[in-house]
Amino acid sequence: MSDAGDQQWHKAAEPEELAEGGVKMCALAGRMVAVVCHEGRYAALDNRCPHMGGPLGQGSIEAGLLVCPWHGREFDPFTGECATTTETVETFPAEAREDGIYVALQKSEA
């Protein structure tokens, strides 16, 4: 973990653990987060689907969208916006480093 300003970074995955199109559910600082790899970029979202609480980290990437495994709601993994409704999912900064994939949470959450 490292921190800067009001964010604290947490290691969410090993470098080889999240392949292109992969989705992983992570417990970071007591919070469940879905981490995604799409088009060589990493994204992190709150794990809870706003529709009925489905686990987004158990979903899949289809046509560039994170699909909730419970009812098929589709979310842009980078903005958290739903493709078909006005629902949104909270997103968090995510980045690849030499030793893994990191996600930043607000210090008040961490």
PDB file of N, CA and C in Angstrom:
ATOM      1  N   MET A   1       0.838  -1.188   0.000  1.00  0.00           N
ATOM      2  CA  MET A   1       0.000   0.000   0.000  1.00  0.00           C
ATOM      3  C   MET A   1       0.873   1.238   0.000  1.00  0.00           C
ATOM      4  N   SER A   2       0.460   2.225  -0.739  1.00  0.00           N
ATOM      5  CA  SER A   2       1.086   3.535  -0.666  1.00  0.00           C
ATOM      6  C   SER A   2      -0.026   4.561  -0.696  1.00  0.00           C
ATOM      7  N   ASP A   3       0.293   5.787  -0.308  1.00  0.00           N
ATOM      8  CA  ASP A   3      -0.755   6.787  -0.305  1.00  0.00           C
ATOM      9  C   ASP A   3      -0.234   8.115  -0.806  1.00  0.00           C
ATOM     10  N   ALA A   4      -1.144   8.908  -1.326  1.00  0.00           N
ATOM     11  CA  ALA A   4      -0.853  10.255  -1.799  1.00  0.00           C
ATOM     12  C   ALA A   4      -2.131  11.058  -1.655  1.00  0.00           C
ATOM     13  N   GLY A   5      -2.040  12.172  -0.975  1.00  0.00           N
ATOM     14  CA  GLY A   5      -3.223  13.018  -0.811  1.00  0.00           C
ATOM     15  C   GLY A   5      -4.297  12.316  -0.024  1.00  0.00           C
ATOM     16  N   ASP A   6      -5.515  12.322  -0.562  1.00  0.00           N
ATOM     17  CA  ASP A   6      -6.641  11.724   0.152  1.00  0.00           C
ATOM     18  C   ASP A   6      -6.936  10.295  -0.295  1.00  0.00           C
ATOM     19  N   GLN A   7      -6.039   9.715  -1.106  1.00  0.00           N
ATOM     20  CA  GLN A   7      -6.235   8.339  -1.580  1.00  0.00           C
ATOM     21  C   GLN A   7      -5.179   7.414  -1.001  1.00  0.00           C
ATOM     22  N   GLN A   8      -5.571   6.165  -0.846  1.00  0.00           N
ATOM     23  CA  GLN A   8      -4.629   5.130  -0.428  1.00  0.00           C
ATOM     24  C   GLN A   8      -4.729   3.995  -1.434  1.00  0.00           C
ATOM     25  N   TRP A   9      -3.571   3.575  -1.969  1.00  0.00           N
ATOM     26  CA  TRP A   9      -3.526   2.536  -2.986  1.00  0.00           C
ATOM     27  C   TRP A   9      -3.395   1.162  -2.342  1.00  0.00           C
ATOM     28  N   HIS A  10      -4.131   0.195  -2.899  1.00  0.00           N
ATOM     29  CA  HIS A  10      -4.144  -1.173  -2.390  1.00  0.00           C
ATOM     30  C   HIS A  10      -3.876  -2.128  -3.548  1.00  0.00           C
ATOM     31  N   LYS A  11      -3.038  -3.129  -3.305  1.00  0.00           N
ATOM     32  CA  LYS A  11      -2.762  -4.130  -4.333  1.00  0.00           C
ATOM     33  C   LYS A  11      -3.972  -5.054  -4.455  1.00  0.00           C
ATOM     34  N   ALA A  12      -4.509  -5.150  -5.677  1.00  0.00           N
ATOM     35  CA  ALA A  12      -5.712  -5.942  -5.918  1.00  0.00           C
ATOM     36  C   ALA A  12      -5.426  -7.264  -6.615  1.00  0.00           C
ATOM     37  N   ALA A  13      -4.324  -7.336  -7.363  1.00  0.00           N
ATOM     38  CA  ALA A  13      -4.029  -8.557  -8.121  1.00  0.00           C
ATOM     39  C   ALA A  13      -2.556  -8.595  -8.482  1.00  0.00           C
ATOM     40  N   GLU A  14      -2.072  -9.799  -8.711  1.00  0.00           N
ATOM     41  CA  GLU A  14      -0.719  -9.987  -9.226  1.00  0.00           C
ATOM     42  C   GLU A  14      -0.717  -9.601 -10.706  1.00  0.00           C
ATOM     43  N   PRO A  15       0.438  -9.273 -11.273  1.00  0.00           N
ATOM     44  CA  PRO A  15       0.473  -8.820 -12.677  1.00  0.00           C
ATOM     45  C   PRO A  15      -0.164  -9.803 -13.660  1.00  0.00           C
ATOM     46  N   GLU A  16       0.047 -11.108 -13.459  1.00  0.00           N
ATOM     47  CA  GLU A  16      -0.456 -12.115 -14.403  1.00  0.00           C
ATOM     48  C   GLU A  16      -1.861 -12.610 -14.042  1.00  0.00           C
ATOM     49  N   GLU A  17      -2.412 -12.105 -12.972  1.00  0.00           N
ATOM     50  CA  GLU A  17      -3.680 -12.629 -12.455  1.00  0.00           C
ATOM     51  C   GLU A  17      -4.911 -12.140 -13.216  1.00  0.00           C
ATOM     52  N   LEU A  18      -4.798 -11.021 -13.907  1.00  0.00           N
ATOM     53  CA  LEU A  18      -5.962 -10.436 -14.585  1.00  0.00           C
ATOM     54  C   LEU A  18      -5.640 -10.245 -16.063  1.00  0.00           C
ATOM     55  N   ALA A  19      -6.012 -11.219 -16.874  1.00  0.00           N
ATOM     56  CA  ALA A  19      -5.759 -11.188 -18.314  1.00  0.00           C
ATOM     57  C   ALA A  19      -6.768 -10.281 -19.005  1.00  0.00           C
ATOM     58  N   GLU A  20      -6.517 -10.000 -20.262  1.00  0.00           N
ATOM     59  CA  GLU A  20      -7.431  -9.191 -21.078  1.00  0.00           C
ATOM     60  C   GLU A  20      -8.839  -9.776 -21.011  1.00  0.00           C
ATOM     61  N   GLY A  21      -9.821  -8.924 -20.711  1.00  0.00           N
ATOM     62  CA  GLY A  21     -11.210  -9.353 -20.603  1.00  0.00           C
ATOM     63  C   GLY A  21     -11.547  -9.983 -19.268  1.00  0.00           C
ATOM     64  N   GLY A  22     -10.578 -10.003 -18.354  1.00  0.00           N
ATOM     65  CA  GLY A  22     -10.791 -10.633 -17.059  1.00  0.00           C
ATOM     66  C   GLY A  22     -11.497  -9.727 -16.065  1.00  0.00           C
ATOM     67  N   VAL A  23     -12.186 -10.357 -15.122  1.00  0.00           N
ATOM     68  CA  VAL A  23     -12.891  -9.658 -14.043  1.00  0.00           C
ATOM     69  C   VAL A  23     -12.548 -10.389 -12.747  1.00  0.00           C
ATOM     70  N   LYS A  24     -12.252  -9.625 -11.706  1.00  0.00           N
ATOM     71  CA  LYS A  24     -11.880 -10.224 -10.424  1.00  0.00           C
ATOM     72  C   LYS A  24     -12.542  -9.450  -9.296  1.00  0.00           C
ATOM     73  N   MET A  25     -13.047 -10.180  -8.322  1.00  0.00           N
ATOM     74  CA  MET A  25     -13.632  -9.565  -7.131  1.00  0.00           C
ATOM     75  C   MET A  25     -12.543  -9.529  -6.052  1.00  0.00           C
ATOM     76  N   CYS A  26     -12.372  -8.368  -5.423  1.00  0.00           N
ATOM     77  CA  CYS A  26     -11.320  -8.187  -4.420  1.00  0.00           C
ATOM     78  C   CYS A  26     -11.887  -7.538  -3.169  1.00  0.00           C
ATOM     79  N   ALA A  27     -11.384  -7.969  -2.029  1.00  0.00           N
ATOM     80  CA  ALA A  27     -11.685  -7.298  -0.759  1.00  0.00           C
ATOM     81  C   ALA A  27     -10.512  -6.377  -0.474  1.00  0.00           C
ATOM     82  N   LEU A  28     -10.756  -5.070  -0.496  1.00  0.00           N
ATOM     83  CA  LEU A  28      -9.714  -4.080  -0.259  1.00  0.00           C
ATOM     84  C   LEU A  28     -10.135  -3.175   0.886  1.00  0.00           C
ATOM     85  N   ALA A  29      -9.389  -3.196   1.952  1.00  0.00           N
ATOM     86  CA  ALA A  29      -9.658  -2.338   3.107  1.00  0.00           C
ATOM     87  C   ALA A  29     -11.109  -2.473   3.571  1.00  0.00           C
ATOM     88  N   GLY A  30     -11.617  -3.705   3.579  1.00  0.00           N
ATOM     89  CA  GLY A  30     -12.964  -3.961   4.052  1.00  0.00           C
ATOM     90  C   GLY A  30     -14.064  -3.640   3.057  1.00  0.00           C
ATOM     91  N   ARG A  31     -13.699  -3.340   1.835  1.00  0.00           N
ATOM     92  CA  ARG A  31     -14.674  -3.005   0.792  1.00  0.00           C
ATOM     93  C   ARG A  31     -14.520  -3.983  -0.365  1.00  0.00           C
ATOM     94  N   MET A  32     -15.635  -4.431  -0.937  1.00  0.00           N
ATOM     95  CA  MET A  32     -15.588  -5.325  -2.093  1.00  0.00           C
ATOM     96  C   MET A  32     -15.559  -4.492  -3.382  1.00  0.00           C
ATOM     97  N   VAL A  33     -14.592  -4.812  -4.235  1.00  0.00           N
ATOM     98  CA  VAL A  33     -14.357  -4.067  -5.468  1.00  0.00           C
ATOM     99  C   VAL A  33     -14.245  -5.054  -6.624  1.00  0.00           C
ATOM    100  N   ALA A  34     -14.782  -4.693  -7.769  1.00  0.00           N
ATOM    101  CA  ALA A  34     -14.617  -5.468  -8.999  1.00  0.00           C
ATOM    102  C   ALA A  34     -13.513  -4.812  -9.814  1.00  0.00           C
ATOM    103  N   VAL A  35     -12.509  -5.600 -10.196  1.00  0.00           N
ATOM    104  CA  VAL A  35     -11.398  -5.090 -10.991  1.00  0.00           C
ATOM    105  C   VAL A  35     -11.461  -5.751 -12.361  1.00  0.00           C
ATOM    106  N   VAL A  36     -11.277  -4.935 -13.412  1.00  0.00           N
ATOM    107  CA  VAL A  36     -11.473  -5.373 -14.790  1.00  0.00           C
ATOM    108  C   VAL A  36     -10.252  -5.005 -15.629  1.00  0.00           C
ATOM    109  N   CYS A  37      -9.924  -5.874 -16.588  1.00  0.00           N
ATOM    110  CA  CYS A  37      -8.920  -5.553 -17.599  1.00  0.00           C
ATOM    111  C   CYS A  37      -9.631  -5.539 -18.951  1.00  0.00           C
ATOM    112  N   HIS A  38      -9.606  -4.390 -19.613  1.00  0.00           N
ATOM    113  CA  HIS A  38     -10.256  -4.269 -20.926  1.00  0.00           C
ATOM    114  C   HIS A  38      -9.408  -3.373 -21.815  1.00  0.00           C
ATOM    115  N   GLU A  39      -9.058  -3.893 -22.989  1.00  0.00           N
ATOM    116  CA  GLU A  39      -8.238  -3.181 -23.970  1.00  0.00           C
ATOM    117  C   GLU A  39      -6.937  -2.666 -23.355  1.00  0.00           C
ATOM    118  N   GLY A  40      -6.328  -3.507 -22.523  1.00  0.00           N
ATOM    119  CA  GLY A  40      -5.044  -3.162 -21.937  1.00  0.00           C
ATOM    120  C   GLY A  40      -5.094  -2.157 -20.806  1.00  0.00           C
ATOM    121  N   ARG A  41      -6.281  -1.754 -20.405  1.00  0.00           N
ATOM    122  CA  ARG A  41      -6.456  -0.800 -19.305  1.00  0.00           C
ATOM    123  C   ARG A  41      -7.154  -1.499 -18.150  1.00  0.00           C
ATOM    124  N   TYR A  42      -6.943  -0.972 -16.951  1.00  0.00           N
ATOM    125  CA  TYR A  42      -7.572  -1.539 -15.762  1.00  0.00           C
ATOM    126  C   TYR A  42      -8.598  -0.563 -15.215  1.00  0.00           C
ATOM    127  N   ALA A  43      -9.676  -1.139 -14.711  1.00  0.00           N
ATOM    128  CA  ALA A  43     -10.753  -0.343 -14.120  1.00  0.00           C
ATOM    129  C   ALA A  43     -11.166  -1.012 -12.818  1.00  0.00           C
ATOM    130  N   ALA A  44     -11.690  -0.214 -11.904  1.00  0.00           N
ATOM    131  CA  ALA A  44     -12.190  -0.745 -10.639  1.00  0.00           C
ATOM    132  C   ALA A  44     -13.527  -0.080 -10.325  1.00  0.00           C
ATOM    133  N   LEU A  45     -14.470  -0.902  -9.895  1.00  0.00           N
ATOM    134  CA  LEU A  45     -15.816  -0.430  -9.580  1.00  0.00           C
ATOM    135  C   LEU A  45     -16.265  -1.043  -8.258  1.00  0.00           C
ATOM    136  N   ASP A  46     -17.243  -0.401  -7.652  1.00  0.00           N
ATOM    137  CA  ASP A  46     -17.876  -1.008  -6.489  1.00  0.00           C
ATOM    138  C   ASP A  46     -18.425  -2.364  -6.945  1.00  0.00           C
ATOM    139  N   ASN A  47     -18.297  -3.364  -6.125  1.00  0.00           N
ATOM    140  CA  ASN A  47     -18.700  -4.717  -6.508  1.00  0.00           C
ATOM    141  C   ASN A  47     -20.218  -4.903  -6.551  1.00  0.00           C
ATOM    142  N   ARG A  48     -20.961  -4.005  -5.958  1.00  0.00           N
ATOM    143  CA  ARG A  48     -22.412  -4.173  -5.813  1.00  0.00           C
ATOM    144  C   ARG A  48     -23.181  -3.499  -6.958  1.00  0.00           C
ATOM    145  N   CYS A  49     -23.910  -4.295  -7.728  1.00  0.00           N
ATOM    146  CA  CYS A  49     -24.759  -3.750  -8.786  1.00  0.00           C
ATOM    147  C   CYS A  49     -25.879  -2.937  -8.145  1.00  0.00           C
ATOM    148  N   PRO A  50     -26.142  -1.722  -8.639  1.00  0.00           N
ATOM    149  CA  PRO A  50     -27.196  -0.903  -8.041  1.00  0.00           C
ATOM    150  C   PRO A  50     -28.604  -1.442  -8.288  1.00  0.00           C
ATOM    151  N   HIS A  51     -28.770  -2.357  -9.230  1.00  0.00           N
ATOM    152  CA  HIS A  51     -30.095  -2.897  -9.530  1.00  0.00           C
ATOM    153  C   HIS A  51     -30.620  -3.728  -8.357  1.00  0.00           C
ATOM    154  N   MET A  52     -29.907  -4.824  -8.026  1.00  0.00           N
ATOM    155  CA  MET A  52     -30.352  -5.670  -6.915  1.00  0.00           C
ATOM    156  C   MET A  52     -29.188  -6.230  -6.114  1.00  0.00           C
ATOM    157  N   GLY A  53     -28.041  -5.562  -6.188  1.00  0.00           N
ATOM    158  CA  GLY A  53     -26.909  -5.953  -5.360  1.00  0.00           C
ATOM    159  C   GLY A  53     -26.075  -7.101  -5.878  1.00  0.00           C
ATOM    160  N   GLY A  54     -26.229  -7.447  -7.140  1.00  0.00           N
ATOM    161  CA  GLY A  54     -25.455  -8.546  -7.703  1.00  0.00           C
ATOM    162  C   GLY A  54     -23.959  -8.288  -7.628  1.00  0.00           C
ATOM    163  N   PRO A  55     -23.151  -9.357  -7.561  1.00  0.00           N
ATOM    164  CA  PRO A  55     -21.699  -9.234  -7.444  1.00  0.00           C
ATOM    165  C   PRO A  55     -21.032  -8.980  -8.802  1.00  0.00           C
ATOM    166  N   LEU A  56     -20.753  -7.739  -9.118  1.00  0.00           N
ATOM    167  CA  LEU A  56     -20.185  -7.397 -10.420  1.00  0.00           C
ATOM    168  C   LEU A  56     -18.851  -8.094 -10.671  1.00  0.00           C
ATOM    169  N   GLY A  57     -18.094  -8.372  -9.613  1.00  0.00           N
ATOM    170  CA  GLY A  57     -16.817  -9.050  -9.754  1.00  0.00           C
ATOM    171  C   GLY A  57     -16.940 -10.494 -10.212  1.00  0.00           C
ATOM    172  N   GLN A  58     -18.170 -11.010 -10.264  1.00  0.00           N
ATOM    173  CA  GLN A  58     -18.409 -12.346 -10.796  1.00  0.00           C
ATOM    174  C   GLN A  58     -19.018 -12.270 -12.192  1.00  0.00           C
ATOM    175  N   GLY A  59     -19.074 -11.049 -12.725  1.00  0.00           N
ATOM    176  CA  GLY A  59     -19.629 -10.842 -14.061  1.00  0.00           C
ATOM    177  C   GLY A  59     -18.599 -11.094 -15.143  1.00  0.00           C
ATOM    178  N   SER A  60     -18.908 -10.634 -16.348  1.00  0.00           N
ATOM    179  CA  SER A  60     -18.011 -10.826 -17.486  1.00  0.00           C
ATOM    180  C   SER A  60     -17.993  -9.569 -18.339  1.00  0.00           C
ATOM    181  N   ILE A  61     -16.952  -9.449 -19.153  1.00  0.00           N
ATOM    182  CA  ILE A  61     -16.857  -8.343 -20.107  1.00  0.00           C
ATOM    183  C   ILE A  61     -17.423  -8.831 -21.430  1.00  0.00           C
ATOM    184  N   GLU A  62     -18.423  -8.122 -21.926  1.00  0.00           N
ATOM    185  CA  GLU A  62     -19.030  -8.442 -23.214  1.00  0.00           C
ATOM    186  C   GLU A  62     -19.204  -7.145 -23.981  1.00  0.00           C
ATOM    187  N   ALA A  63     -18.650  -7.093 -25.186  1.00  0.00           N
ATOM    188  CA  ALA A  63     -18.701  -5.898 -26.026  1.00  0.00           C
ATOM    189  C   ALA A  63     -18.220  -4.663 -25.258  1.00  0.00           C
ATOM    190  N   GLY A  64     -17.200  -4.857 -24.421  1.00  0.00           N
ATOM    191  CA  GLY A  64     -16.608  -3.739 -23.690  1.00  0.00           C
ATOM    192  C   GLY A  64     -17.333  -3.317 -22.437  1.00  0.00           C
ATOM    193  N   LEU A  65     -18.407  -4.019 -22.073  1.00  0.00           N
ATOM    194  CA  LEU A  65     -19.189  -3.660 -20.896  1.00  0.00           C
ATOM    195  C   LEU A  65     -19.119  -4.775 -19.850  1.00  0.00           C
ATOM    196  N   LEU A  66     -19.126  -4.378 -18.585  1.00  0.00           N
ATOM    197  CA  LEU A  66     -19.159  -5.336 -17.482  1.00  0.00           C
ATOM    198  C   LEU A  66     -20.610  -5.729 -17.254  1.00  0.00           C
ATOM    199  N   VAL A  67     -20.894  -7.024 -17.398  1.00  0.00           N
ATOM    200  CA  VAL A  67     -22.262  -7.528 -17.304  1.00  0.00           C
ATOM    201  C   VAL A  67     -22.472  -8.176 -15.942  1.00  0.00           C
ATOM    202  N   CYS A  68     -23.500  -7.704 -15.221  1.00  0.00           N
ATOM    203  CA  CYS A  68     -23.832  -8.269 -13.920  1.00  0.00           C
ATOM    204  C   CYS A  68     -24.331  -9.705 -14.105  1.00  0.00           C
ATOM    205  N   PRO A  69     -23.815 -10.645 -13.298  1.00  0.00           N
ATOM    206  CA  PRO A  69     -24.219 -12.038 -13.475  1.00  0.00           C
ATOM    207  C   PRO A  69     -25.653 -12.337 -13.044  1.00  0.00           C
ATOM    208  N   TRP A  70     -26.273 -11.454 -12.280  1.00  0.00           N
ATOM    209  CA  TRP A  70     -27.631 -11.742 -11.806  1.00  0.00           C
ATOM    210  C   TRP A  70     -28.705 -11.404 -12.820  1.00  0.00           C
ATOM    211  N   HIS A  71     -28.724 -10.200 -13.346  1.00  0.00           N
ATOM    212  CA  HIS A  71     -29.816  -9.782 -14.224  1.00  0.00           C
ATOM    213  C   HIS A  71     -29.357  -9.127 -15.520  1.00  0.00           C
ATOM    214  N   GLY A  72     -28.034  -9.194 -15.798  1.00  0.00           N
ATOM    215  CA  GLY A  72     -27.545  -8.737 -17.090  1.00  0.00           C
ATOM    216  C   GLY A  72     -27.389  -7.238 -17.274  1.00  0.00           C
ATOM    217  N   ARG A  73     -27.489  -6.446 -16.214  1.00  0.00           N
ATOM    218  CA  ARG A  73     -27.234  -5.009 -16.364  1.00  0.00           C
ATOM    219  C   ARG A  73     -25.808  -4.832 -16.873  1.00  0.00           C
ATOM    220  N   GLU A  74     -25.624  -3.897 -17.811  1.00  0.00           N
ATOM    221  CA  GLU A  74     -24.314  -3.678 -18.425  1.00  0.00           C
ATOM    222  C   GLU A  74     -23.776  -2.313 -18.021  1.00  0.00           C
ATOM    223  N   PHE A  75     -22.512  -2.295 -17.561  1.00  0.00           N
ATOM    224  CA  PHE A  75     -21.889  -1.070 -17.084  1.00  0.00           C
ATOM    225  C   PHE A  75     -20.565  -0.825 -17.792  1.00  0.00           C
ATOM    226  N   ASP A  76     -20.316   0.441 -18.113  1.00  0.00           N
ATOM    227  CA  ASP A  76     -19.010   0.824 -18.634  1.00  0.00           C
ATOM    228  C   ASP A  76     -18.033   0.674 -17.473  1.00  0.00           C
ATOM    229  N   PRO A  77     -17.000  -0.156 -17.604  1.00  0.00           N
ATOM    230  CA  PRO A  77     -16.117  -0.380 -16.465  1.00  0.00           C
ATOM    231  C   PRO A  77     -15.285   0.839 -16.077  1.00  0.00           C
ATOM    232  N   PHE A  78     -15.159   1.806 -16.965  1.00  0.00           N
ATOM    233  CA  PHE A  78     -14.331   2.985 -16.688  1.00  0.00           C
ATOM    234  C   PHE A  78     -15.127   4.161 -16.130  1.00  0.00           C
ATOM    235  N   THR A  79     -16.404   4.266 -16.500  1.00  0.00           N
ATOM    236  CA  THR A  79     -17.227   5.386 -16.006  1.00  0.00           C
ATOM    237  C   THR A  79     -18.259   4.945 -14.975  1.00  0.00           C
ATOM    238  N   GLY A  80     -18.589   3.648 -14.971  1.00  0.00           N
ATOM    239  CA  GLY A  80     -19.612   3.127 -14.074  1.00  0.00           C
ATOM    240  C   GLY A  80     -21.030   3.345 -14.574  1.00  0.00           C
ATOM    241  N   GLU A  81     -21.193   3.922 -15.754  1.00  0.00           N
ATOM    242  CA  GLU A  81     -22.531   4.206 -16.289  1.00  0.00           C
ATOM    243  C   GLU A  81     -23.163   2.954 -16.869  1.00  0.00           C
ATOM    244  N   CYS A  82     -24.457   2.788 -16.600  1.00  0.00           N
ATOM    245  CA  CYS A  82     -25.222   1.671 -17.147  1.00  0.00           C
ATOM    246  C   CYS A  82     -25.578   1.975 -18.597  1.00  0.00           C
ATOM    247  N   ALA A  83     -25.521   0.956 -19.448  1.00  0.00           N
ATOM    248  CA  ALA A  83     -25.815   1.130 -20.877  1.00  0.00           C
ATOM    249  C   ALA A  83     -27.299   1.315 -21.157  1.00  0.00           C
ATOM    250  N   THR A  84     -28.189   0.882 -20.248  1.00  0.00           N
ATOM    251  CA  THR A  84     -29.615   0.893 -20.553  1.00  0.00           C
ATOM    252  C   THR A  84     -30.472   1.666 -19.546  1.00  0.00           C
ATOM    253  N   THR A  85     -29.896   2.075 -18.419  1.00  0.00           N
ATOM    254  CA  THR A  85     -30.668   2.819 -17.419  1.00  0.00           C
ATOM    255  C   THR A  85     -29.830   4.006 -16.939  1.00  0.00           C
ATOM    256  N   THR A  86     -30.350   4.746 -15.996  1.00  0.00           N
ATOM    257  CA  THR A  86     -29.596   5.874 -15.426  1.00  0.00           C
ATOM    258  C   THR A  86     -28.769   5.450 -14.214  1.00  0.00           C
ATOM    259  N   GLU A  87     -28.754   4.152 -13.905  1.00  0.00           N
ATOM    260  CA  GLU A  87     -27.975   3.654 -12.772  1.00  0.00           C
ATOM    261  C   GLU A  87     -26.484   3.840 -13.034  1.00  0.00           C
ATOM    262  N   THR A  88     -25.740   4.073 -11.960  1.00  0.00           N
ATOM    263  CA  THR A  88     -24.287   4.129 -12.064  1.00  0.00           C
ATOM    264  C   THR A  88     -23.667   3.365 -10.906  1.00  0.00           C
ATOM    265  N   VAL A  89     -22.442   2.940 -11.128  1.00  0.00           N
ATOM    266  CA  VAL A  89     -21.660   2.248 -10.112  1.00  0.00           C
ATOM    267  C   VAL A  89     -20.456   3.137  -9.809  1.00  0.00           C
ATOM    268  N   GLU A  90     -20.100   3.258  -8.543  1.00  0.00           N
ATOM    269  CA  GLU A  90     -18.941   4.049  -8.167  1.00  0.00           C
ATOM    270  C   GLU A  90     -17.677   3.415  -8.744  1.00  0.00           C
ATOM    271  N   THR A  91     -16.808   4.249  -9.297  1.00  0.00           N
ATOM    272  CA  THR A  91     -15.539   3.770  -9.852  1.00  0.00           C
ATOM    273  C   THR A  91     -14.378   4.302  -9.017  1.00  0.00           C
ATOM    274  N   PHE A  92     -13.236   3.644  -9.159  1.00  0.00           N
ATOM    275  CA  PHE A  92     -12.042   4.008  -8.419  1.00  0.00           C
ATOM    276  C   PHE A  92     -10.847   4.002  -9.368  1.00  0.00           C
ATOM    277  N   PRO A  93      -9.843   4.822  -9.117  1.00  0.00           N
ATOM    278  CA  PRO A  93      -8.638   4.777  -9.946  1.00  0.00           C
ATOM    279  C   PRO A  93      -7.982   3.396  -9.843  1.00  0.00           C
ATOM    280  N   ALA A  94      -7.483   2.911 -10.976  1.00  0.00           N
ATOM    281  CA  ALA A  94      -6.791   1.619 -11.012  1.00  0.00           C
ATOM    282  C   ALA A  94      -5.607   1.757 -11.952  1.00  0.00           C
ATOM    283  N   GLU A  95      -4.520   1.063 -11.627  1.00  0.00           N
ATOM    284  CA  GLU A  95      -3.353   1.131 -12.488  1.00  0.00           C
ATOM    285  C   GLU A  95      -2.498  -0.118 -12.345  1.00  0.00           C
ATOM    286  N   ALA A  96      -1.783  -0.407 -13.435  1.00  0.00           N
ATOM    287  CA  ALA A  96      -0.835  -1.513 -13.427  1.00  0.00           C
ATOM    288  C   ALA A  96       0.521  -0.967 -13.001  1.00  0.00           C
ATOM    289  N   ARG A  97       1.171  -1.707 -12.116  1.00  0.00           N
ATOM    290  CA  ARG A  97       2.535  -1.405 -11.703  1.00  0.00           C
ATOM    291  C   ARG A  97       3.357  -2.657 -11.946  1.00  0.00           C
ATOM    292  N   GLU A  98       4.653  -2.541 -11.800  1.00  0.00           N
ATOM    293  CA  GLU A  98       5.526  -3.685 -12.046  1.00  0.00           C
ATOM    294  C   GLU A  98       5.142  -4.905 -11.222  1.00  0.00           C
ATOM    295  N   ASP A  99       4.705  -4.677  -9.994  1.00  0.00           N
ATOM    296  CA  ASP A  99       4.430  -5.800  -9.093  1.00  0.00           C
ATOM    297  C   ASP A  99       2.955  -6.142  -8.955  1.00  0.00           C
ATOM    298  N   GLY A 100       2.070  -5.502  -9.743  1.00  0.00           N
ATOM    299  CA  GLY A 100       0.663  -5.863  -9.661  1.00  0.00           C
ATOM    300  C   GLY A 100      -0.291  -4.774 -10.107  1.00  0.00           C
ATOM    301  N   ILE A 101      -1.575  -5.040  -9.883  1.00  0.00           N
ATOM    302  CA  ILE A 101      -2.657  -4.114 -10.212  1.00  0.00           C
ATOM    303  C   ILE A 101      -3.093  -3.459  -8.906  1.00  0.00           C
ATOM    304  N   TYR A 102      -3.162  -2.140  -8.901  1.00  0.00           N
ATOM    305  CA  TYR A 102      -3.494  -1.382  -7.696  1.00  0.00           C
ATOM    306  C   TYR A 102      -4.765  -0.571  -7.897  1.00  0.00           C
ATOM    307  N   VAL A 103      -5.512  -0.411  -6.809  1.00  0.00           N
ATOM    308  CA  VAL A 103      -6.752   0.365  -6.797  1.00  0.00           C
ATOM    309  C   VAL A 103      -6.652   1.382  -5.666  1.00  0.00           C
ATOM    310  N   ALA A 104      -7.091   2.610  -5.940  1.00  0.00           N
ATOM    311  CA  ALA A 104      -7.055   3.664  -4.929  1.00  0.00           C
ATOM    312  C   ALA A 104      -8.441   3.857  -4.332  1.00  0.00           C
ATOM    313  N   LEU A 105      -8.482   3.864  -3.003  1.00  0.00           N
ATOM    314  CA  LEU A 105      -9.718   4.171  -2.265  1.00  0.00           C
ATOM    315  C   LEU A 105      -9.479   5.441  -1.449  1.00  0.00           C
ATOM    316  N   GLN A 106     -10.546   6.161  -1.183  1.00  0.00           N
ATOM    317  CA  GLN A 106     -10.426   7.325  -0.323  1.00  0.00           C
ATOM    318  C   GLN A 106      -9.940   6.879   1.051  1.00  0.00           C
ATOM    319  N   LYS A 107      -9.096   7.664   1.675  1.00  0.00           N
ATOM    320  CA  LYS A 107      -8.585   7.288   2.989  1.00  0.00           C
ATOM    321  C   LYS A 107      -9.697   7.091   4.012  1.00  0.00           C
ATOM    322  N   SER A 108     -10.783   7.839   3.886  1.00  0.00           N
ATOM    323  CA  SER A 108     -11.897   7.672   4.821  1.00  0.00           C
ATOM    324  C   SER A 108     -12.552   6.310   4.655  1.00  0.00           C
ATOM    325  N   GLU A 109     -12.417   5.697   3.450  1.00  0.00           N
ATOM    326  CA  GLU A 109     -12.969   4.355   3.189  1.00  0.00           C
ATOM    327  C   GLU A 109     -11.981   3.276   3.589  1.00  0.00           C
ATOM    328  N   ALA A 110     -10.706   3.598   3.489  1.00  0.00           N
ATOM    329  CA  ALA A 110      -9.664   2.588   3.686  1.00  0.00           C
ATOM    330  C   ALA A 110      -9.463   2.235   5.136  1.00  0.00           C
TER     331      ALA A 110
END
